[in-house]
PDB file of N, CA and C in Angstrom:
ATOM      1  N   UNK A   1      94.096 128.371 115.766  1.00  0.00           N
ATOM      2  CA  UNK A   1      93.588 127.265 114.983  1.00  0.00           C
ATOM      3  C   UNK A   1      92.084 127.433 114.779  1.00  0.00           C
ATOM      4  N   UNK A   2      91.633 127.152 113.589  1.00  0.00           N
ATOM      5  CA  UNK A   2      90.214 127.267 113.278  1.00  0.00           C
ATOM      6  C   UNK A   2      89.426 126.179 113.990  1.00  0.00           C
ATOM      7  N   UNK A   3      88.150 126.443 114.214  1.00  0.00           N
ATOM      8  CA  UNK A   3      87.300 125.419 114.837  1.00  0.00           C
ATOM      9  C   UNK A   3      87.145 124.242 113.891  1.00  0.00           C
ATOM     10  N   UNK A   4      87.296 123.058 114.436  1.00  0.00           N
ATOM     11  CA  UNK A   4      87.149 121.849 113.634  1.00  0.00           C
ATOM     12  C   UNK A   4      85.699 121.399 113.655  1.00  0.00           C
ATOM     13  N   UNK A   5      85.262 120.853 112.525  1.00  0.00           N
ATOM     14  CA  UNK A   5      83.912 120.303 112.446  1.00  0.00           C
ATOM     15  C   UNK A   5      83.846 119.002 113.254  1.00  0.00           C
ATOM     16  N   UNK A   6      84.900 118.212 113.165  1.00  0.00           N
ATOM     17  CA  UNK A   6      84.974 116.939 113.897  1.00  0.00           C
ATOM     18  C   UNK A   6      86.017 117.110 114.997  1.00  0.00           C
ATOM     19  N   UNK A   7      85.584 117.285 116.220  1.00  0.00           N
ATOM     20  CA  UNK A   7      86.524 117.569 117.294  1.00  0.00           C
ATOM     21  C   UNK A   7      86.595 116.470 118.361  1.00  0.00           C
ATOM     22  N   UNK A   8      85.973 115.317 118.104  1.00  0.00           N
ATOM     23  CA  UNK A   8      86.007 114.204 119.054  1.00  0.00           C
ATOM     24  C   UNK A   8      86.829 113.082 118.446  1.00  0.00           C
ATOM     25  N   UNK A   9      87.838 112.607 119.197  1.00  0.00           N
ATOM     26  CA  UNK A   9      88.677 111.520 118.714  1.00  0.00           C
ATOM     27  C   UNK A   9      88.154 110.183 119.210  1.00  0.00           C
ATOM     28  N   UNK A  10      88.276 109.183 118.328  1.00  0.00           N
ATOM     29  CA  UNK A  10      88.013 107.797 118.699  1.00  0.00           C
ATOM     30  C   UNK A  10      89.274 107.035 118.330  1.00  0.00           C
ATOM     31  N   UNK A  11      89.925 106.461 119.335  1.00  0.00           N
ATOM     32  CA  UNK A  11      91.188 105.764 119.112  1.00  0.00           C
ATOM     33  C   UNK A  11      91.003 104.265 119.312  1.00  0.00           C
ATOM     34  N   UNK A  12      91.691 103.459 118.503  1.00  0.00           N
ATOM     35  CA  UNK A  12      91.694 102.019 118.705  1.00  0.00           C
ATOM     36  C   UNK A  12      93.000 101.449 118.181  1.00  0.00           C
ATOM     37  N   UNK A  13      93.349 100.284 118.677  1.00  0.00           N
ATOM     38  CA  UNK A  13      94.612  99.644 118.313  1.00  0.00           C
ATOM     39  C   UNK A  13      94.379  98.527 117.309  1.00  0.00           C
ATOM     40  N   UNK A  14      95.349  98.349 116.427  1.00  0.00           N
ATOM     41  CA  UNK A  14      95.318  97.257 115.453  1.00  0.00           C
ATOM     42  C   UNK A  14      96.676  96.579 115.432  1.00  0.00           C
ATOM     43  N   UNK A  15      96.692  95.350 114.967  1.00  0.00           N
ATOM     44  CA  UNK A  15      97.953  94.632 114.803  1.00  0.00           C
ATOM     45  C   UNK A  15      98.584  95.062 113.475  1.00  0.00           C
ATOM     46  N   UNK A  16      99.863  94.771 113.271  1.00  0.00           N
ATOM     47  CA  UNK A  16     100.488  95.098 111.985  1.00  0.00           C
ATOM     48  C   UNK A  16      99.766  94.443 110.799  1.00  0.00           C
ATOM     49  N   UNK A  17      99.274  93.225 110.990  1.00  0.00           N
ATOM     50  CA  UNK A  17      98.550  92.539 109.912  1.00  0.00           C
ATOM     51  C   UNK A  17      97.227  93.230 109.610  1.00  0.00           C
ATOM     52  N   UNK A  18      96.533  93.677 110.657  1.00  0.00           N
ATOM     53  CA  UNK A  18      95.267  94.385 110.461  1.00  0.00           C
ATOM     54  C   UNK A  18      95.498  95.714 109.744  1.00  0.00           C
ATOM     55  N   UNK A  19      96.591  96.396 110.083  1.00  0.00           N
ATOM     56  CA  UNK A  19      96.895  97.665 109.417  1.00  0.00           C
ATOM     57  C   UNK A  19      97.161  97.446 107.937  1.00  0.00           C
ATOM     58  N   UNK A  20      97.893  96.382 107.604  1.00  0.00           N
ATOM     59  CA  UNK A  20      98.150  96.061 106.196  1.00  0.00           C
ATOM     60  C   UNK A  20      96.851  95.776 105.456  1.00  0.00           C
ATOM     61  N   UNK A  21      95.938  95.051 106.098  1.00  0.00           N
ATOM     62  CA  UNK A  21      94.658  94.734 105.481  1.00  0.00           C
ATOM     63  C   UNK A  21      93.833  95.996 105.257  1.00  0.00           C
ATOM     64  N   UNK A  22      93.835  96.898 106.228  1.00  0.00           N
ATOM     65  CA  UNK A  22      93.120  98.168 106.077  1.00  0.00           C
ATOM     66  C   UNK A  22      93.700  98.954 104.906  1.00  0.00           C
ATOM     67  N   UNK A  23      95.036  99.035 104.834  1.00  0.00           N
ATOM     68  CA  UNK A  23      95.688  99.751 103.719  1.00  0.00           C
ATOM     69  C   UNK A  23      95.319  99.137 102.376  1.00  0.00           C
ATOM     70  N   UNK A  24      95.305  97.794 102.314  1.00  0.00           N
ATOM     71  CA  UNK A  24      94.966  97.111 101.060  1.00  0.00           C
ATOM     72  C   UNK A  24      93.537  97.451 100.632  1.00  0.00           C
ATOM     73  N   UNK A  25      92.622  97.467 101.608  1.00  0.00           N
ATOM     74  CA  UNK A  25      91.234  97.790 101.292  1.00  0.00           C
ATOM     75  C   UNK A  25      91.077  99.259 100.892  1.00  0.00           C
ATOM     76  N   UNK A  26      91.904 100.125 101.479  1.00  0.00           N
ATOM     77  CA  UNK A  26      91.882 101.537 101.079  1.00  0.00           C
ATOM     78  C   UNK A  26      92.305 101.684  99.631  1.00  0.00           C
ATOM     79  N   UNK A  27      93.323 100.927  99.226  1.00  0.00           N
ATOM     80  CA  UNK A  27      93.787 100.971  97.837  1.00  0.00           C
ATOM     81  C   UNK A  27      92.675 100.502  96.906  1.00  0.00           C
ATOM     82  N   UNK A  28      91.994  99.411  97.285  1.00  0.00           N
ATOM     83  CA  UNK A  28      90.881  98.906  96.475  1.00  0.00           C
ATOM     84  C   UNK A  28      89.772  99.944  96.358  1.00  0.00           C
ATOM     85  N   UNK A  29      89.553 100.720  97.424  1.00  0.00           N
ATOM     86  CA  UNK A  29      88.506 101.743  97.431  1.00  0.00           C
ATOM     87  C   UNK A  29      88.987 103.057  96.799  1.00  0.00           C
ATOM     88  N   UNK A  30      90.253 103.092  96.393  1.00  0.00           N
ATOM     89  CA  UNK A  30      90.856 104.271  95.753  1.00  0.00           C
ATOM     90  C   UNK A  30      90.782 105.514  96.640  1.00  0.00           C
ATOM     91  N   UNK A  31      91.170 105.327  97.911  1.00  0.00           N
ATOM     92  CA  UNK A  31      91.241 106.459  98.827  1.00  0.00           C
ATOM     93  C   UNK A  31      92.595 106.458  99.522  1.00  0.00           C
ATOM     94  N   UNK A  32      93.092 107.643  99.840  1.00  0.00           N
ATOM     95  CA  UNK A  32      94.387 107.775 100.496  1.00  0.00           C
ATOM     96  C   UNK A  32      94.254 108.273 101.930  1.00  0.00           C
ATOM     97  N   UNK A  33      93.079 108.752 102.292  1.00  0.00           N
ATOM     98  CA  UNK A  33      92.861 109.334 103.610  1.00  0.00           C
ATOM     99  C   UNK A  33      92.271 108.272 104.542  1.00  0.00           C
ATOM    100  N   UNK A  34      93.085 107.781 105.494  1.00  0.00           N
ATOM    101  CA  UNK A  34      92.633 106.710 106.380  1.00  0.00           C
ATOM    102  C   UNK A  34      91.473 107.161 107.261  1.00  0.00           C
ATOM    103  N   UNK A  35      91.516 108.378 107.763  1.00  0.00           N
ATOM    104  CA  UNK A  35      90.429 108.872 108.609  1.00  0.00           C
ATOM    105  C   UNK A  35      89.103 108.872 107.873  1.00  0.00           C
ATOM    106  N   UNK A  36      89.111 109.353 106.640  1.00  0.00           N
ATOM    107  CA  UNK A  36      87.892 109.384 105.839  1.00  0.00           C
ATOM    108  C   UNK A  36      87.406 107.970 105.543  1.00  0.00           C
ATOM    109  N   UNK A  37      88.346 107.082 105.227  1.00  0.00           N
ATOM    110  CA  UNK A  37      87.986 105.688 104.926  1.00  0.00           C
ATOM    111  C   UNK A  37      87.352 105.016 106.151  1.00  0.00           C
ATOM    112  N   UNK A  38      87.983 105.152 107.310  1.00  0.00           N
ATOM    113  CA  UNK A  38      87.467 104.504 108.514  1.00  0.00           C
ATOM    114  C   UNK A  38      86.128 105.095 108.946  1.00  0.00           C
ATOM    115  N   UNK A  39      85.961 106.419 108.805  1.00  0.00           N
ATOM    116  CA  UNK A  39      84.667 107.043 109.110  1.00  0.00           C
ATOM    117  C   UNK A  39      83.581 106.477 108.210  1.00  0.00           C
ATOM    118  N   UNK A  40      83.868 106.407 106.913  1.00  0.00           N
ATOM    119  CA  UNK A  40      82.889 105.915 105.937  1.00  0.00           C
ATOM    120  C   UNK A  40      82.507 104.472 106.249  1.00  0.00           C
ATOM    121  N   UNK A  41      83.498 103.633 106.543  1.00  0.00           N
ATOM    122  CA  UNK A  41      83.219 102.228 106.835  1.00  0.00           C
ATOM    123  C   UNK A  41      82.455 102.070 108.155  1.00  0.00           C
ATOM    124  N   UNK A  42      82.791 102.867 109.156  1.00  0.00           N
ATOM    125  CA  UNK A  42      82.108 102.773 110.446  1.00  0.00           C
ATOM    126  C   UNK A  42      80.644 103.207 110.327  1.00  0.00           C
ATOM    127  N   UNK A  43      80.378 104.185 109.479  1.00  0.00           N
ATOM    128  CA  UNK A  43      79.019 104.710 109.346  1.00  0.00           C
ATOM    129  C   UNK A  43      78.209 103.930 108.311  1.00  0.00           C
ATOM    130  N   UNK A  44      78.802 103.648 107.145  1.00  0.00           N
ATOM    131  CA  UNK A  44      78.052 103.057 106.040  1.00  0.00           C
ATOM    132  C   UNK A  44      78.420 101.615 105.728  1.00  0.00           C
ATOM    133  N   UNK A  45      79.514 101.129 106.306  1.00  0.00           N
ATOM    134  CA  UNK A  45      79.964  99.773 105.995  1.00  0.00           C
ATOM    135  C   UNK A  45      79.056  98.740 106.639  1.00  0.00           C
ATOM    136  N   UNK A  46      79.311  97.487 106.324  1.00  0.00           N
ATOM    137  CA  UNK A  46      78.505  96.437 106.920  1.00  0.00           C
ATOM    138  C   UNK A  46      79.389  95.215 107.198  1.00  0.00           C
ATOM    139  N   UNK A  47      78.919  94.368 108.084  1.00  0.00           N
ATOM    140  CA  UNK A  47      79.627  93.149 108.459  1.00  0.00           C
ATOM    141  C   UNK A  47      78.731  91.967 108.120  1.00  0.00           C
ATOM    142  N   UNK A  48      79.300  90.975 107.486  1.00  0.00           N
ATOM    143  CA  UNK A  48      78.556  89.763 107.160  1.00  0.00           C
ATOM    144  C   UNK A  48      78.991  88.681 108.123  1.00  0.00           C
ATOM    145  N   UNK A  49      78.067  88.180 108.923  1.00  0.00           N
ATOM    146  CA  UNK A  49      78.365  87.085 109.857  1.00  0.00           C
ATOM    147  C   UNK A  49      77.963  85.766 109.210  1.00  0.00           C
ATOM    148  N   UNK A  50      78.893  84.842 109.135  1.00  0.00           N
ATOM    149  CA  UNK A  50      78.576  83.513 108.626  1.00  0.00           C
ATOM    150  C   UNK A  50      78.655  82.523 109.775  1.00  0.00           C
ATOM    151  N   UNK A  51      77.638  81.729 109.903  1.00  0.00           N
ATOM    152  CA  UNK A  51      77.592  80.760 110.996  1.00  0.00           C
ATOM    153  C   UNK A  51      78.046  79.388 110.531  1.00  0.00           C
TER     154      UNK A  51
END
């Protein structure tokens, strides 16, 4: 197997509803690769906190 550029895994659990929401947002973003989508959101995404 060739050396991977990204060789560290980060695992987390989601509920079925959260997975559906992630898939829906992926469709809106026009991407099919969940790993790429989650990496992009974790690095460049943002969270809006409303009080």
